[in-house]
N, C-alpha and C. Protein backbone atom coordinates (compact mmCIF):
# COMPACT_ATOMS: atom_id res chain seq x y z
N MET A 1 90.24 13.29 -21.37
CA MET A 1 89.53 11.85 -20.97
C MET A 1 90.74 10.92 -20.44
N LEU A 2 90.28 10.02 -20.10
CA LEU A 2 91.04 9.14 -19.19
C LEU A 2 91.62 8.08 -20.30
N ALA A 3 92.67 8.08 -19.53
CA ALA A 3 93.38 7.05 -20.11
C ALA A 3 94.19 5.93 -19.66
N MET A 4 94.95 4.61 -19.91
CA MET A 4 95.19 3.72 -19.13
C MET A 4 96.68 3.27 -19.59
N ARG A 5 97.76 2.71 -18.88
CA ARG A 5 98.77 2.41 -19.70
C ARG A 5 99.49 1.96 -18.90
N LYS A 6 100.25 0.74 -19.00
CA LYS A 6 100.74 -0.46 -17.75
C LYS A 6 102.06 0.33 -17.46
N GLY A 7 101.45 0.23 -15.69
CA GLY A 7 103.30 0.81 -14.51
C GLY A 7 104.29 0.00 -14.72
N GLY A 8 105.24 0.88 -14.63
CA GLY A 8 106.35 0.15 -13.94
C GLY A 8 106.83 0.29 -12.49
N HIS A 9 108.06 0.00 -12.27
CA HIS A 9 108.55 -0.31 -11.05
C HIS A 9 108.67 0.99 -10.40
N ARG A 10 108.66 2.43 -11.42
CA ARG A 10 108.92 3.48 -10.67
C ARG A 10 106.91 3.77 -9.86
N ASP A 11 106.26 3.70 -10.91
CA ASP A 11 104.94 3.98 -10.64
C ASP A 11 104.62 3.01 -9.43
N LEU A 12 104.96 1.90 -9.46
CA LEU A 12 104.70 1.24 -8.00
C LEU A 12 105.46 1.95 -6.71
N GLU A 13 106.30 2.13 -7.12
CA GLU A 13 106.90 2.80 -5.85
C GLU A 13 105.93 4.10 -5.41
N HIS A 14 105.42 5.43 -6.41
CA HIS A 14 104.97 6.03 -6.70
C HIS A 14 103.30 5.74 -5.88
N LEU A 15 102.96 4.62 -5.97
CA LEU A 15 101.46 4.32 -5.90
C LEU A 15 101.22 3.41 -4.25
N TYR A 16 102.52 3.27 -4.11
CA TYR A 16 102.30 1.56 -2.94
C TYR A 16 101.57 2.74 -1.94
N SER A 17 102.13 3.82 -1.86
CA SER A 17 101.49 4.20 -0.51
C SER A 17 99.92 4.97 -0.27
N ALA A 18 99.10 4.95 -1.34
CA ALA A 18 98.04 4.79 -2.07
C ALA A 18 97.19 3.57 -1.65
N VAL A 19 98.15 2.68 -2.09
CA VAL A 19 97.35 1.10 -2.01
C VAL A 19 97.61 0.62 -0.63
N GLU A 20 98.45 1.46 0.11
CA GLU A 20 98.66 1.20 1.65
C GLU A 20 97.57 1.81 2.74
N LEU A 21 97.13 2.85 1.90
CA LEU A 21 95.70 3.99 2.82
C LEU A 21 94.32 3.11 2.22
N ASP A 22 94.38 2.91 1.07
CA ASP A 22 93.08 1.95 0.61
C ASP A 22 92.85 0.12 0.83
N PHE A 23 93.49 -0.25 1.26
CA PHE A 23 93.45 -1.53 1.85
C PHE A 23 94.04 -2.05 2.76
N ASP A 24 93.87 -2.48 3.86
CA ASP A 24 93.87 -3.03 5.17
C ASP A 24 95.36 -3.85 5.43
N ARG A 25 96.10 -3.86 5.98
CA ARG A 25 97.47 -4.20 6.22
C ARG A 25 97.25 -5.71 5.85
N ARG A 26 96.67 -6.32 6.73
CA ARG A 26 96.40 -7.73 6.54
C ARG A 26 96.22 -8.19 5.17
N GLU A 27 95.77 -7.42 4.17
CA GLU A 27 95.69 -8.40 2.47
C GLU A 27 96.84 -7.94 2.05
N LEU A 28 97.76 -7.10 2.20
CA LEU A 28 98.43 -6.08 1.52
C LEU A 28 99.55 -7.47 1.00
N LEU A 29 99.71 -7.11 0.14
CA LEU A 29 101.15 -8.18 -0.66
C LEU A 29 102.21 -7.26 -0.58
N PRO A 30 103.51 -8.02 -0.37
CA PRO A 30 105.06 -6.85 0.13
C PRO A 30 105.39 -6.28 -1.10
N LYS A 31 105.51 -4.76 -1.08
CA LYS A 31 105.94 -4.44 -2.26
C LYS A 31 106.92 -4.68 -2.94
N LEU A 32 108.11 -5.64 -2.34
CA LEU A 32 109.11 -6.47 -2.74
C LEU A 32 108.48 -7.85 -3.83
N ALA A 33 107.31 -8.87 -3.48
CA ALA A 33 106.85 -9.51 -3.87
C ALA A 33 106.01 -8.90 -5.30
N ILE A 34 105.43 -7.67 -5.33
CA ILE A 34 105.04 -6.86 -6.69
C ILE A 34 105.83 -6.78 -7.75
N HIS A 35 106.79 -6.20 -6.78
CA HIS A 35 107.95 -5.62 -7.52
C HIS A 35 108.41 -7.17 -8.99
N ARG A 36 108.74 -7.94 -7.86
CA ARG A 36 109.06 -9.58 -8.54
C ARG A 36 108.15 -10.13 -9.45
N ALA A 37 106.99 -10.03 -8.97
CA ALA A 37 105.95 -10.27 -9.91
C ALA A 37 105.80 -9.59 -11.01
N MET A 38 106.00 -8.49 -10.96
CA MET A 38 105.96 -7.60 -12.24
C MET A 38 107.17 -7.92 -12.86
N THR A 39 108.37 -8.11 -12.47
CA THR A 39 109.33 -8.84 -13.41
C THR A 39 109.48 -10.01 -14.17
N THR A 40 108.40 -10.63 -13.66
CA THR A 40 108.43 -12.55 -14.38
C THR A 40 106.99 -12.27 -14.96
N GLY A 41 106.14 -10.78 -15.16
CA GLY A 41 105.20 -11.06 -15.65
C GLY A 41 103.91 -11.63 -15.41
N ASP A 42 103.79 -11.97 -14.29
CA ASP A 42 102.54 -12.47 -12.95
C ASP A 42 101.52 -11.37 -12.85
N GLN A 43 102.65 -10.41 -12.36
CA GLN A 43 101.49 -9.40 -11.97
C GLN A 43 102.00 -7.91 -13.02
N GLU A 44 100.23 -7.14 -13.61
CA GLU A 44 100.79 -5.94 -13.67
C GLU A 44 99.87 -4.99 -13.31
N LEU A 45 101.05 -3.83 -13.56
CA LEU A 45 100.12 -2.75 -12.55
C LEU A 45 99.30 -1.74 -13.54
N LEU A 46 98.30 -1.15 -13.54
CA LEU A 46 97.80 -0.38 -14.80
C LEU A 46 97.44 0.80 -14.09
N VAL A 47 98.19 2.32 -14.79
CA VAL A 47 98.12 3.44 -14.12
C VAL A 47 96.98 3.99 -15.02
N PHE A 48 95.86 5.01 -14.37
CA PHE A 48 94.77 5.05 -15.22
C PHE A 48 94.91 6.89 -14.90
N TYR A 49 95.09 7.67 -15.80
CA TYR A 49 95.45 9.26 -16.02
C TYR A 49 94.94 9.86 -16.37
N ASP A 50 94.43 11.14 -16.53
CA ASP A 50 94.05 12.49 -17.68
C ASP A 50 95.01 12.44 -18.58
N ASP A 51 94.44 12.10 -19.46
CA ASP A 51 95.68 12.35 -20.72
C ASP A 51 95.84 13.52 -21.36
N GLN A 52 95.02 14.51 -20.89
CA GLN A 52 95.54 15.51 -21.34
C GLN A 52 96.28 16.30 -20.41
N SER A 53 96.33 16.56 -18.98
CA SER A 53 97.46 16.94 -18.54
C SER A 53 98.30 15.60 -17.61
N ASN A 54 98.20 14.39 -17.93
CA ASN A 54 98.65 13.05 -17.52
C ASN A 54 99.03 13.28 -16.13
N ILE A 55 98.19 13.76 -15.42
CA ILE A 55 97.93 13.55 -13.66
C ILE A 55 97.34 11.62 -13.50
N THR A 56 98.00 11.31 -12.73
CA THR A 56 97.56 10.07 -12.45
C THR A 56 96.35 9.48 -11.34
N VAL A 57 95.11 9.35 -11.45
CA VAL A 57 93.63 9.32 -11.05
C VAL A 57 93.51 8.23 -10.50
N GLY A 58 94.40 6.73 -10.56
CA GLY A 58 93.40 5.83 -10.07
C GLY A 58 94.74 4.95 -10.65
N TYR A 59 94.64 3.40 -9.90
CA TYR A 59 95.37 2.32 -10.40
C TYR A 59 94.96 1.03 -9.92
N ALA A 60 95.47 0.00 -10.60
CA ALA A 60 94.95 -1.86 -10.38
C ALA A 60 96.25 -2.20 -10.84
N LEU A 61 96.14 -3.00 -9.41
CA LEU A 61 97.06 -4.21 -9.96
C LEU A 61 96.50 -5.61 -9.83
N VAL A 62 97.00 -6.08 -11.25
CA VAL A 62 96.10 -7.29 -11.59
C VAL A 62 97.26 -8.62 -12.12
N MET A 63 96.65 -9.86 -11.18
CA MET A 63 97.36 -10.86 -11.58
C MET A 63 96.62 -11.88 -12.81
N VAL A 64 97.85 -11.40 -13.51
CA VAL A 64 97.91 -11.73 -15.09
C VAL A 64 97.89 -13.62 -15.52
N ARG A 65 98.67 -13.81 -15.08
CA ARG A 65 99.17 -14.99 -15.42
C ARG A 65 98.70 -16.09 -14.30
N GLY A 66 97.71 -17.27 -15.07
CA GLY A 66 96.98 -18.38 -14.24
C GLY A 66 96.85 -18.95 -14.96
N VAL A 67 96.73 -20.53 -14.56
CA VAL A 67 96.04 -21.72 -15.79
C VAL A 67 95.06 -21.88 -16.62
N TYR A 68 93.86 -20.84 -15.69
CA TYR A 68 92.70 -21.36 -16.14
C TYR A 68 92.22 -19.82 -17.19
N GLY A 69 93.07 -18.74 -17.69
CA GLY A 69 92.56 -18.05 -18.61
C GLY A 69 92.18 -16.79 -17.95
N TYR A 70 91.95 -16.93 -17.10
CA TYR A 70 91.04 -15.98 -15.89
C TYR A 70 92.19 -15.00 -15.44
N VAL A 71 92.25 -13.33 -15.29
CA VAL A 71 92.93 -12.43 -14.47
C VAL A 71 92.27 -12.52 -12.63
N LEU A 72 92.99 -11.79 -12.02
CA LEU A 72 92.58 -11.32 -10.63
C LEU A 72 92.85 -10.26 -10.21
N LEU A 73 91.95 -9.38 -9.98
CA LEU A 73 91.98 -8.02 -10.23
C LEU A 73 92.22 -7.66 -8.16
N LYS A 74 93.44 -7.63 -7.85
CA LYS A 74 94.13 -7.26 -6.29
C LYS A 74 93.88 -6.56 -5.81
N TYR A 75 93.87 -5.08 -6.27
CA TYR A 75 93.79 -3.89 -5.91
C TYR A 75 93.25 -3.09 -7.24
N PHE A 76 92.63 -2.26 -6.49
CA PHE A 76 91.49 -1.64 -7.63
C PHE A 76 91.38 0.11 -6.74
N GLY A 77 91.82 1.02 -7.22
CA GLY A 77 91.39 2.57 -6.47
C GLY A 77 91.55 3.57 -7.39
N VAL A 78 90.84 4.75 -6.95
CA VAL A 78 90.43 5.85 -7.61
C VAL A 78 91.34 6.92 -6.42
N LEU A 79 92.82 7.57 -5.81
CA LEU A 79 93.23 8.16 -5.71
C LEU A 79 92.14 9.57 -4.82
N GLN A 80 92.35 9.44 -3.42
CA GLN A 80 91.96 10.12 -2.74
C GLN A 80 90.94 11.25 -3.21
N TRP A 81 91.90 12.12 -3.77
CA TRP A 81 91.02 13.89 -3.96
C TRP A 81 90.91 13.66 -5.33
N PHE A 82 90.50 12.52 -5.94
CA PHE A 82 89.61 12.02 -7.31
C PHE A 82 88.29 11.58 -7.06
N ARG A 83 88.13 10.97 -6.27
CA ARG A 83 86.78 10.32 -5.97
C ARG A 83 85.87 11.00 -6.18
N GLU A 84 84.46 10.30 -6.02
CA GLU A 84 83.57 10.98 -6.22
C GLU A 84 83.03 12.04 -7.29
N GLN A 85 84.01 11.83 -8.43
CA GLN A 85 83.76 12.03 -9.88
C GLN A 85 83.26 11.46 -10.86
N GLY A 86 82.97 9.92 -10.43
CA GLY A 86 82.49 8.90 -11.72
C GLY A 86 83.89 8.62 -12.33
N LEU A 87 84.83 8.67 -11.69
CA LEU A 87 86.50 8.30 -11.95
C LEU A 87 86.46 6.86 -12.12
N GLY A 88 85.84 6.03 -11.33
CA GLY A 88 85.68 4.48 -10.79
C GLY A 88 85.77 3.82 -12.03
N VAL A 89 84.44 4.20 -12.58
CA VAL A 89 83.09 3.45 -13.54
C VAL A 89 84.08 3.83 -14.80
N GLN A 90 84.92 5.21 -14.94
CA GLN A 90 85.69 5.21 -16.51
C GLN A 90 86.67 4.09 -16.36
N CYS A 91 87.43 4.07 -15.21
CA CYS A 91 88.73 3.30 -14.91
C CYS A 91 88.29 1.87 -15.30
N MET A 92 86.95 1.65 -14.54
CA MET A 92 86.47 -0.03 -14.18
C MET A 92 86.38 -0.76 -16.10
N ARG A 93 86.04 0.71 -17.40
CA ARG A 93 85.25 0.16 -18.46
C ARG A 93 86.47 0.04 -18.87
N LEU A 94 87.79 0.79 -18.70
CA LEU A 94 89.11 0.56 -19.30
C LEU A 94 89.83 -0.38 -18.99
N LEU A 95 88.92 -0.87 -17.42
CA LEU A 95 90.40 -1.91 -17.47
C LEU A 95 89.36 -3.55 -18.00
N ASN A 96 88.32 -3.53 -17.87
CA ASN A 96 87.25 -4.69 -18.51
C ASN A 96 87.75 -4.43 -20.03
N LYS A 97 88.17 -3.26 -20.79
CA LYS A 97 88.22 -3.43 -22.47
C LYS A 97 89.60 -4.35 -22.46
N ARG A 98 90.69 -3.77 -21.48
CA ARG A 98 91.98 -4.37 -21.55
C ARG A 98 92.24 -5.88 -21.63
N TYR A 99 91.35 -6.61 -20.41
CA TYR A 99 91.34 -8.05 -20.45
C TYR A 99 90.12 -8.74 -21.20
N ALA A 100 89.52 -8.23 -22.54
CA ALA A 100 88.48 -8.40 -23.34
C ALA A 100 88.57 -9.80 -24.14
N ASP A 101 89.67 -10.25 -23.61
CA ASP A 101 90.33 -11.64 -24.44
C ASP A 101 90.88 -12.67 -23.45
N ARG A 102 90.26 -12.58 -22.31
CA ARG A 102 90.76 -13.36 -21.21
C ARG A 102 89.10 -13.99 -20.98
N GLN A 103 89.39 -15.36 -20.23
CA GLN A 103 88.00 -15.81 -19.81
C GLN A 103 87.26 -15.24 -19.21
N GLY A 104 88.22 -14.49 -17.68
CA GLY A 104 87.07 -13.57 -17.32
C GLY A 104 87.97 -13.00 -16.07
N ILE A 105 87.21 -11.89 -15.61
CA ILE A 105 88.31 -10.84 -14.17
C ILE A 105 87.57 -11.43 -12.87
N LEU A 106 88.52 -12.17 -12.11
CA LEU A 106 87.67 -12.28 -10.92
C LEU A 106 88.19 -11.07 -9.40
N ALA A 107 87.23 -10.93 -9.19
CA ALA A 107 87.77 -9.65 -8.21
C ALA A 107 86.92 -10.41 -6.44
N GLU A 108 88.53 -9.96 -5.40
CA GLU A 108 88.44 -10.18 -4.41
C GLU A 108 87.52 -9.34 -3.54
N ILE A 109 86.48 -9.12 -2.77
CA ILE A 109 86.03 -8.24 -1.75
C ILE A 109 86.20 -8.64 -0.27
N THR A 110 87.48 -8.06 -0.02
CA THR A 110 87.24 -8.37 1.77
C THR A 110 86.62 -7.11 2.84
N VAL A 111 86.51 -6.91 3.48
CA VAL A 111 86.25 -5.81 4.39
C VAL A 111 86.70 -6.37 5.89
N PHE A 112 87.72 -5.45 6.40
CA PHE A 112 87.58 -5.72 8.31
C PHE A 112 87.16 -5.24 8.76
N ASP A 113 86.71 -4.15 8.23
CA ASP A 113 86.10 -3.48 9.64
C ASP A 113 84.74 -2.58 9.14
N ASP A 114 83.91 -3.20 8.82
CA ASP A 114 82.71 -2.73 8.19
C ASP A 114 81.17 -3.20 9.03
N ALA A 115 81.42 -2.91 10.16
CA ALA A 115 79.97 -3.36 11.25
C ALA A 115 78.75 -3.49 10.41
N GLU A 116 78.06 -2.15 10.06
CA GLU A 116 77.16 -2.13 9.23
C GLU A 116 76.94 -3.07 7.91
N GLY A 117 77.83 -3.59 7.25
CA GLY A 117 77.61 -4.03 6.35
C GLY A 117 77.76 -3.18 4.72
N ASP A 118 77.70 -1.61 5.40
CA ASP A 118 77.10 -0.84 3.99
C ASP A 118 78.29 -0.08 3.31
N TYR A 119 79.40 -0.65 3.30
CA TYR A 119 80.70 -0.46 2.80
C TYR A 119 80.94 -1.58 1.57
N LEU A 120 80.51 -2.77 2.18
CA LEU A 120 80.36 -4.47 1.44
C LEU A 120 79.45 -3.95 0.75
N ARG A 121 78.40 -3.73 0.78
CA ARG A 121 77.30 -4.01 -0.26
C ARG A 121 77.28 -2.65 -1.28
N LYS A 122 78.66 -1.63 -1.03
CA LYS A 122 78.56 -0.73 -1.78
C LYS A 122 79.34 -1.26 -3.24
N LEU A 123 80.27 -1.95 -2.45
CA LEU A 123 81.25 -2.39 -3.24
C LEU A 123 81.02 -3.65 -4.19
N ARG A 124 80.00 -4.35 -3.67
CA ARG A 124 78.90 -5.47 -4.74
C ARG A 124 78.40 -4.90 -5.06
N LYS A 125 77.88 -3.57 -5.05
CA LYS A 125 77.00 -3.38 -6.10
C LYS A 125 77.92 -2.78 -7.37
N PHE A 126 78.78 -1.85 -6.94
CA PHE A 126 79.83 -1.52 -7.80
C PHE A 126 80.15 -2.42 -8.82
N PHE A 127 80.44 -3.62 -8.15
CA PHE A 127 81.13 -4.77 -9.23
C PHE A 127 80.07 -5.25 -10.26
N ALA A 128 78.63 -5.64 -9.55
CA ALA A 128 77.49 -5.67 -10.39
C ALA A 128 76.96 -5.37 -11.54
N ARG A 129 77.63 -3.86 -11.10
CA ARG A 129 76.92 -2.96 -12.40
C ARG A 129 77.91 -3.28 -13.66
N PHE A 130 79.24 -3.83 -13.53
CA PHE A 130 80.37 -3.85 -14.60
C PHE A 130 79.71 -6.13 -15.18
N GLY A 131 78.79 -6.14 -14.61
CA GLY A 131 78.47 -7.72 -15.05
C GLY A 131 79.41 -8.79 -13.84
N TYR A 132 79.73 -8.65 -12.99
CA TYR A 132 80.20 -9.34 -12.07
C TYR A 132 79.30 -9.71 -11.23
N GLN A 133 79.77 -11.37 -10.57
CA GLN A 133 78.41 -11.98 -10.07
C GLN A 133 79.33 -13.17 -8.70
N ASP A 134 78.62 -13.38 -7.83
CA ASP A 134 79.19 -13.81 -7.16
C ASP A 134 79.26 -15.33 -7.50
N VAL A 135 80.74 -15.96 -6.77
CA VAL A 135 81.22 -17.07 -6.77
C VAL A 135 81.01 -17.76 -5.10
N LYS A 136 80.82 -18.75 -5.07
CA LYS A 136 80.93 -19.38 -3.76
C LYS A 136 82.40 -19.75 -3.65
N SER A 137 82.74 -19.05 -2.55
CA SER A 137 84.08 -18.89 -1.84
C SER A 137 84.11 -19.38 -0.83
N ASP A 138 85.17 -20.19 -0.55
CA ASP A 138 85.84 -21.06 1.05
C ASP A 138 87.26 -20.16 1.81
N TYR A 139 87.16 -19.17 1.26
CA TYR A 139 88.98 -18.72 2.18
C TYR A 139 88.75 -17.51 2.59
N ARG A 140 89.97 -17.41 3.10
CA ARG A 140 90.10 -16.15 3.99
C ARG A 140 91.39 -15.48 3.48
N LEU A 141 91.53 -14.35 3.41
CA LEU A 141 92.42 -13.45 3.27
C LEU A 141 92.44 -12.74 4.04
N GLY A 142 93.77 -12.77 4.82
CA GLY A 142 94.58 -11.93 6.22
C GLY A 142 93.39 -12.16 7.28
N GLY A 143 92.80 -13.00 7.16
CA GLY A 143 91.91 -13.06 8.12
C GLY A 143 90.56 -12.87 8.12
N ALA A 144 90.13 -12.70 6.92
CA ALA A 144 88.76 -11.82 6.51
C ALA A 144 87.93 -12.94 5.72
N LYS A 145 86.47 -12.81 5.66
CA LYS A 145 86.42 -13.64 4.57
C LYS A 145 86.03 -12.75 3.29
N VAL A 146 86.40 -13.64 2.25
CA VAL A 146 86.78 -13.77 0.85
C VAL A 146 85.23 -13.71 0.26
N ASP A 147 84.63 -12.32 -0.31
CA ASP A 147 83.45 -12.30 -0.95
C ASP A 147 84.56 -12.27 -2.58
N LEU A 148 84.41 -13.25 -3.49
CA LEU A 148 84.76 -13.74 -4.65
C LEU A 148 83.53 -13.57 -5.39
N MET A 149 83.95 -12.80 -7.03
CA MET A 149 83.13 -12.15 -8.16
C MET A 149 83.84 -12.56 -8.91
N VAL A 150 83.24 -12.98 -10.18
CA VAL A 150 83.76 -13.01 -11.12
C VAL A 150 82.95 -12.25 -12.79
N LYS A 151 83.72 -11.78 -13.29
CA LYS A 151 82.68 -11.36 -14.75
C LYS A 151 83.58 -11.82 -15.83
N PRO A 152 82.67 -13.22 -16.19
CA PRO A 152 82.54 -14.15 -17.22
C PRO A 152 82.93 -12.89 -18.57
N ILE A 153 83.79 -13.50 -19.72
CA ILE A 153 84.32 -12.96 -20.40
C ILE A 153 83.98 -14.20 -21.60
N LYS A 154 84.97 -14.63 -21.70
CA LYS A 154 84.62 -16.16 -22.65
C LYS A 154 84.61 -17.09 -22.50
N GLY A 155 84.63 -16.92 -20.62
CA GLY A 155 84.51 -18.87 -20.02
C GLY A 155 83.45 -18.49 -19.12
N THR A 156 82.97 -19.00 -18.39
CA THR A 156 81.90 -19.17 -17.66
C THR A 156 82.04 -18.74 -15.74
N ALA A 157 80.70 -18.66 -15.38
CA ALA A 157 80.62 -18.23 -14.51
C ALA A 157 81.05 -18.69 -12.77
N ASP A 158 80.46 -20.03 -13.54
CA ASP A 158 80.41 -21.59 -13.20
C ASP A 158 82.18 -21.70 -12.65
N ILE A 159 82.93 -20.57 -11.51
CA ILE A 159 83.95 -21.47 -11.45
C ILE A 159 84.14 -21.50 -9.90
N ALA A 160 83.07 -21.97 -8.91
CA ALA A 160 83.25 -22.40 -7.80
C ALA A 160 83.68 -23.74 -7.30
N PRO A 161 83.80 -24.85 -8.14
CA PRO A 161 84.75 -26.27 -8.33
C PRO A 161 86.31 -25.46 -8.27
N ILE A 162 86.28 -24.65 -9.09
CA ILE A 162 87.92 -24.77 -9.63
C ILE A 162 88.35 -23.21 -8.86
N ALA A 163 87.51 -22.97 -7.69
CA ALA A 163 88.18 -21.27 -7.64
C ALA A 163 89.45 -21.45 -6.25
N ARG A 164 89.46 -22.62 -5.95
CA ARG A 164 90.30 -22.37 -5.10
C ARG A 164 91.67 -22.87 -5.73
N ARG A 165 92.04 -23.60 -6.55
CA ARG A 165 93.18 -23.94 -7.57
C ARG A 165 93.17 -22.43 -8.27
N MET A 166 92.41 -22.29 -8.60
CA MET A 166 93.29 -20.63 -9.49
C MET A 166 93.56 -20.03 -8.03
N ILE A 167 92.42 -19.53 -7.17
CA ILE A 167 93.30 -18.59 -6.16
C ILE A 167 95.00 -18.94 -5.63
N ARG A 168 94.75 -20.07 -5.52
CA ARG A 168 95.98 -21.09 -4.96
C ARG A 168 97.36 -20.54 -5.93
N ASP A 169 97.00 -20.51 -7.30
CA ASP A 169 97.63 -20.48 -8.44
C ASP A 169 97.96 -19.09 -8.60
N PHE A 170 97.13 -17.86 -8.66
CA PHE A 170 97.72 -16.66 -8.28
C PHE A 170 98.89 -16.44 -7.17
N TYR A 171 98.10 -16.80 -6.06
CA TYR A 171 99.36 -16.19 -4.76
C TYR A 171 100.58 -17.04 -5.00
N SER A 172 100.55 -18.49 -5.40
CA SER A 172 101.40 -18.81 -5.42
C SER A 172 102.87 -18.23 -6.25
N ARG A 173 102.03 -17.48 -7.08
CA ARG A 173 103.16 -17.30 -7.73
C ARG A 173 104.15 -16.01 -7.68
N CYS A 174 103.29 -15.33 -6.51
CA CYS A 174 103.89 -14.04 -6.12
C CYS A 174 104.34 -14.13 -4.41
N LEU A 175 104.51 -15.06 -3.77
CA LEU A 175 104.50 -15.16 -2.67
C LEU A 175 105.02 -16.45 -2.27
N ARG A 176 106.20 -16.83 -1.18
CA ARG A 176 106.82 -17.38 -0.68
C ARG A 176 105.83 -18.33 -0.09
N PRO A 177 105.91 -19.76 0.21
CA PRO A 177 105.07 -20.82 0.77
C PRO A 177 104.94 -19.87 1.84
N ALA A 178 105.66 -19.88 2.82
CA ALA A 178 105.61 -19.26 4.62
C ALA A 178 104.37 -18.00 4.45
N ALA A 179 104.64 -17.57 3.21
CA ALA A 179 103.75 -16.55 3.50
C ALA A 179 102.67 -16.19 3.13
N PHE A 180 102.42 -17.33 2.37
CA PHE A 180 101.42 -17.47 1.17
C PHE A 180 100.97 -18.27 2.41
N GLU A 181 101.56 -18.87 3.69
CA GLU A 181 100.39 -19.95 4.75
C GLU A 181 100.04 -18.32 5.69
N LYS A 182 100.42 -17.84 5.81
CA LYS A 182 100.04 -16.48 6.61
C LYS A 182 99.56 -15.64 5.75
N MET A 183 99.10 -15.50 4.70
CA MET A 183 98.32 -14.62 4.26
C MET A 183 97.11 -15.45 4.30
N ILE A 184 97.00 -16.52 3.60
CA ILE A 184 96.05 -17.11 2.73
C ILE A 184 95.70 -18.30 3.76
N ASP A 185 94.33 -18.07 4.18
CA ASP A 185 93.68 -19.69 4.69
C ASP A 185 92.73 -20.06 4.12
N MET A 186 93.38 -21.22 3.23
CA MET A 186 92.10 -22.03 2.46
C MET A 186 91.31 -22.91 2.63
N ARG A 187 91.60 -23.09 4.17
CA ARG A 187 90.71 -23.74 5.04
C ARG A 187 88.95 -23.61 5.00
N ALA A 188 87.87 -24.74 4.75
CA ALA A 188 86.30 -23.77 4.70
C ALA A 188 86.29 -22.96 5.48
N VAL A 189 85.60 -21.77 5.07
CA VAL A 189 85.17 -20.66 6.19
C VAL A 189 83.74 -21.13 6.76
N GLU A 190 83.53 -21.16 8.00
CA GLU A 190 82.62 -21.70 8.47
C GLU A 190 81.35 -20.46 8.71
């Protein structure tokens, strides 16, 4: 059966290479920044594992401290050799259960190289399956337009008026101002 635990710095060292494979380098937070944010409690690394064999099957990096009571799912993935087995669904259920006391969960979807839009469509469908809804967003991450989605739990799905402040708050807690400006473009997307 699949289980979840809060990971530590050693887990981040082991899983960061998987994050580098799964996500475009333009949207990667520096590993040192993640370590620092984990130390201050601004982010937490969740490790999904088989409770019989204790083998890690997936991960999630979540920005947990924000002024509005929402969390931001920054990275979520199932390790390559465990994909196509329905584990992503089980991991997402565990993740949603963990944050059931929050206002909601935000998810950023950025796709850098998806000419046909198929990968983006599959990601959106996956998140929609768990109650995530589109939020009007007008910022870029690493140069790519962000499709922002929210799963309202205790809060509202209508966060568009404050979405920019929420995103700025999450990232400013882990990135220095110069790194923030380099990674995130908060000007309106055309």
